[in-house]
Amino acid sequence: MNTKFPITLSDRPIAYVRPIKASELPDEIREQLPGVTDLYAIHHEEGERLALVTNRAMAFVMARQNDFYPVSVH
């Protein structure tokens, strides 16, 4: 039987938190981040980047403060 069941983690939209390298970013953003090599990106469920932060814990806090349910992506 192939019955699909929706998985509901929260009534809030999901925000994906993933580590990225500063070298992956456009030049104009890298220029604003002297000395920063590792960041965390917060993405909307549909893939749109919402924010960049330098700390994983801050990424989760920021997502929650904006009514998202944060999950880690590797």
N, C-alpha and C. Protein backbone atom coordinates (compact mmCIF):
# COMPACT_ATOMS: atom_id res chain seq x y z
N MET A 1 0.84 -1.17 0.00
CA MET A 1 0.00 0.00 0.00
C MET A 1 0.89 1.23 0.00
N ASN A 2 0.65 2.16 -0.89
CA ASN A 2 1.45 3.38 -1.02
C ASN A 2 0.65 4.62 -0.63
N THR A 3 0.19 4.64 0.59
CA THR A 3 -0.56 5.79 1.08
C THR A 3 0.41 6.81 1.65
N LYS A 4 0.30 8.05 1.19
CA LYS A 4 1.17 9.11 1.69
C LYS A 4 0.53 9.81 2.87
N PHE A 5 1.34 10.05 3.89
CA PHE A 5 0.89 10.76 5.06
C PHE A 5 1.73 12.01 5.21
N PRO A 6 1.12 13.16 5.39
CA PRO A 6 1.91 14.37 5.58
C PRO A 6 2.63 14.34 6.93
N ILE A 7 3.86 14.79 6.92
CA ILE A 7 4.63 14.88 8.16
C ILE A 7 4.56 16.32 8.63
N THR A 8 3.98 16.53 9.77
CA THR A 8 3.83 17.87 10.31
C THR A 8 4.72 18.02 11.53
N LEU A 9 5.77 18.82 11.39
CA LEU A 9 6.66 19.08 12.50
C LEU A 9 6.18 20.27 13.32
N SER A 10 5.53 21.18 12.66
CA SER A 10 5.11 22.40 13.32
C SER A 10 4.06 23.08 12.45
N ASP A 11 3.35 24.00 13.06
CA ASP A 11 2.40 24.79 12.27
C ASP A 11 3.10 25.99 11.64
N ARG A 12 4.39 26.14 11.90
CA ARG A 12 5.18 27.24 11.32
C ARG A 12 5.92 26.73 10.08
N PRO A 13 6.24 27.63 9.15
CA PRO A 13 7.02 27.21 7.98
C PRO A 13 8.44 26.80 8.38
N ILE A 14 9.02 25.91 7.63
CA ILE A 14 10.36 25.41 7.93
C ILE A 14 11.40 26.39 7.39
N ALA A 15 12.46 26.58 8.16
CA ALA A 15 13.64 27.33 7.71
C ALA A 15 14.81 26.36 7.77
N TYR A 16 15.52 26.24 6.66
CA TYR A 16 16.67 25.35 6.60
C TYR A 16 17.93 26.12 6.94
N VAL A 17 18.73 25.58 7.85
CA VAL A 17 19.98 26.20 8.27
C VAL A 17 21.11 25.31 7.76
N ARG A 18 22.03 25.91 6.99
CA ARG A 18 23.13 25.11 6.46
C ARG A 18 24.43 25.90 6.49
N PRO A 19 25.52 25.19 6.74
CA PRO A 19 26.83 25.87 6.72
C PRO A 19 27.25 26.17 5.29
N ILE A 20 27.89 27.31 5.10
CA ILE A 20 28.44 27.66 3.79
C ILE A 20 29.80 28.32 3.98
N LYS A 21 30.57 28.32 2.94
CA LYS A 21 31.87 29.00 2.93
C LYS A 21 31.67 30.40 2.36
N ALA A 22 32.36 31.37 2.91
CA ALA A 22 32.27 32.73 2.40
C ALA A 22 32.69 32.78 0.94
N SER A 23 33.59 31.90 0.54
CA SER A 23 34.07 31.88 -0.84
C SER A 23 32.96 31.54 -1.85
N GLU A 24 31.84 30.98 -1.38
CA GLU A 24 30.71 30.65 -2.25
C GLU A 24 29.82 31.86 -2.54
N LEU A 25 30.05 32.95 -1.83
CA LEU A 25 29.19 34.13 -1.94
C LEU A 25 29.68 35.08 -3.02
N PRO A 26 28.79 35.93 -3.53
CA PRO A 26 29.21 36.94 -4.52
C PRO A 26 30.24 37.90 -3.91
N ASP A 27 31.05 38.50 -4.77
CA ASP A 27 32.11 39.41 -4.34
C ASP A 27 31.60 40.53 -3.45
N GLU A 28 30.46 41.14 -3.80
CA GLU A 28 29.97 42.28 -3.03
C GLU A 28 29.60 41.91 -1.59
N ILE A 29 29.23 40.68 -1.37
CA ILE A 29 28.94 40.23 0.00
C ILE A 29 30.24 39.89 0.72
N ARG A 30 31.15 39.21 0.04
CA ARG A 30 32.44 38.86 0.67
C ARG A 30 33.20 40.11 1.11
N GLU A 31 33.09 41.20 0.36
CA GLU A 31 33.77 42.45 0.72
C GLU A 31 33.29 42.99 2.07
N GLN A 32 32.06 42.65 2.46
CA GLN A 32 31.50 43.11 3.72
C GLN A 32 31.85 42.18 4.89
N LEU A 33 32.57 41.10 4.60
CA LEU A 33 32.88 40.09 5.62
C LEU A 33 34.38 39.85 5.74
N PRO A 34 35.17 40.88 6.03
CA PRO A 34 36.62 40.66 6.10
C PRO A 34 36.97 39.67 7.22
N GLY A 35 37.77 38.68 6.86
CA GLY A 35 38.22 37.70 7.84
C GLY A 35 37.25 36.56 8.13
N VAL A 36 36.05 36.62 7.59
CA VAL A 36 35.05 35.57 7.83
C VAL A 36 35.19 34.51 6.75
N THR A 37 35.31 33.24 7.17
CA THR A 37 35.43 32.15 6.21
C THR A 37 34.23 31.21 6.23
N ASP A 38 33.61 31.06 7.39
CA ASP A 38 32.47 30.15 7.53
C ASP A 38 31.24 30.91 8.02
N LEU A 39 30.11 30.59 7.41
CA LEU A 39 28.84 31.23 7.76
C LEU A 39 27.74 30.18 7.80
N TYR A 40 26.57 30.61 8.23
CA TYR A 40 25.38 29.77 8.19
C TYR A 40 24.30 30.53 7.44
N ALA A 41 23.70 29.86 6.48
CA ALA A 41 22.64 30.46 5.68
C ALA A 41 21.30 29.92 6.17
N ILE A 42 20.32 30.81 6.22
CA ILE A 42 18.96 30.44 6.58
C ILE A 42 18.14 30.55 5.30
N HIS A 43 17.50 29.44 4.93
CA HIS A 43 16.72 29.39 3.69
C HIS A 43 15.25 29.09 3.99
N HIS A 44 14.38 29.68 3.20
CA HIS A 44 12.94 29.40 3.23
C HIS A 44 12.72 28.00 2.67
N GLU A 45 11.56 27.43 2.93
CA GLU A 45 11.22 26.09 2.42
C GLU A 45 11.42 25.95 0.92
N GLU A 46 11.21 27.02 0.19
CA GLU A 46 11.31 26.97 -1.27
C GLU A 46 12.71 27.28 -1.77
N GLY A 47 13.67 27.45 -0.86
CA GLY A 47 15.07 27.62 -1.24
C GLY A 47 15.60 29.04 -1.22
N GLU A 48 14.74 30.02 -1.05
CA GLU A 48 15.19 31.41 -1.04
C GLU A 48 16.03 31.69 0.21
N ARG A 49 17.20 32.29 0.02
CA ARG A 49 18.06 32.63 1.15
C ARG A 49 17.46 33.82 1.88
N LEU A 50 17.26 33.65 3.18
CA LEU A 50 16.66 34.71 3.99
C LEU A 50 17.70 35.52 4.74
N ALA A 51 18.77 34.86 5.20
CA ALA A 51 19.77 35.56 6.01
C ALA A 51 21.07 34.78 6.04
N LEU A 52 22.13 35.50 6.41
CA LEU A 52 23.45 34.91 6.65
C LEU A 52 23.91 35.33 8.03
N VAL A 53 24.41 34.39 8.80
CA VAL A 53 24.95 34.70 10.13
C VAL A 53 26.25 33.92 10.32
N THR A 54 27.05 34.35 11.29
CA THR A 54 28.35 33.70 11.51
C THR A 54 28.30 32.62 12.59
N ASN A 55 27.13 32.39 13.18
CA ASN A 55 27.03 31.46 14.30
C ASN A 55 25.80 30.57 14.11
N ARG A 56 25.98 29.26 14.27
CA ARG A 56 24.88 28.31 14.06
C ARG A 56 23.74 28.55 15.05
N ALA A 57 24.09 28.76 16.31
CA ALA A 57 23.05 28.98 17.33
C ALA A 57 22.24 30.23 16.99
N MET A 58 22.92 31.27 16.53
CA MET A 58 22.22 32.50 16.16
C MET A 58 21.28 32.26 14.98
N ALA A 59 21.66 31.40 14.06
CA ALA A 59 20.79 31.09 12.92
C ALA A 59 19.48 30.47 13.41
N PHE A 60 19.56 29.56 14.37
CA PHE A 60 18.36 28.92 14.91
C PHE A 60 17.51 29.93 15.68
N VAL A 61 18.16 30.78 16.46
CA VAL A 61 17.43 31.80 17.22
C VAL A 61 16.73 32.76 16.27
N MET A 62 17.44 33.21 15.24
CA MET A 62 16.86 34.15 14.28
C MET A 62 15.65 33.53 13.57
N ALA A 63 15.77 32.28 13.18
CA ALA A 63 14.65 31.61 12.52
C ALA A 63 13.43 31.55 13.45
N ARG A 64 13.65 31.17 14.70
CA ARG A 64 12.53 31.07 15.65
C ARG A 64 11.91 32.44 15.92
N GLN A 65 12.74 33.47 16.03
CA GLN A 65 12.23 34.82 16.29
C GLN A 65 11.36 35.32 15.14
N ASN A 66 11.54 34.74 13.97
CA ASN A 66 10.75 35.13 12.81
C ASN A 66 9.69 34.10 12.47
N ASP A 67 9.30 33.32 13.48
CA ASP A 67 8.21 32.35 13.38
C ASP A 67 8.44 31.23 12.37
N PHE A 68 9.70 30.81 12.23
CA PHE A 68 10.02 29.65 11.41
C PHE A 68 10.39 28.49 12.33
N TYR A 69 10.29 27.28 11.80
CA TYR A 69 10.72 26.08 12.49
C TYR A 69 12.07 25.69 11.86
N PRO A 70 13.19 25.96 12.55
CA PRO A 70 14.51 25.70 11.94
C PRO A 70 14.90 24.23 11.97
N VAL A 71 15.49 23.77 10.88
CA VAL A 71 16.04 22.43 10.79
C VAL A 71 17.42 22.54 10.14
N SER A 72 18.31 21.64 10.52
CA SER A 72 19.67 21.64 10.00
C SER A 72 19.75 20.86 8.70
N VAL A 73 20.51 21.40 7.76
CA VAL A 73 20.75 20.73 6.47
C VAL A 73 22.25 20.66 6.28
N HIS A 74 22.74 19.52 5.83
CA HIS A 74 24.20 19.36 5.63
C HIS A 74 24.54 19.29 4.18
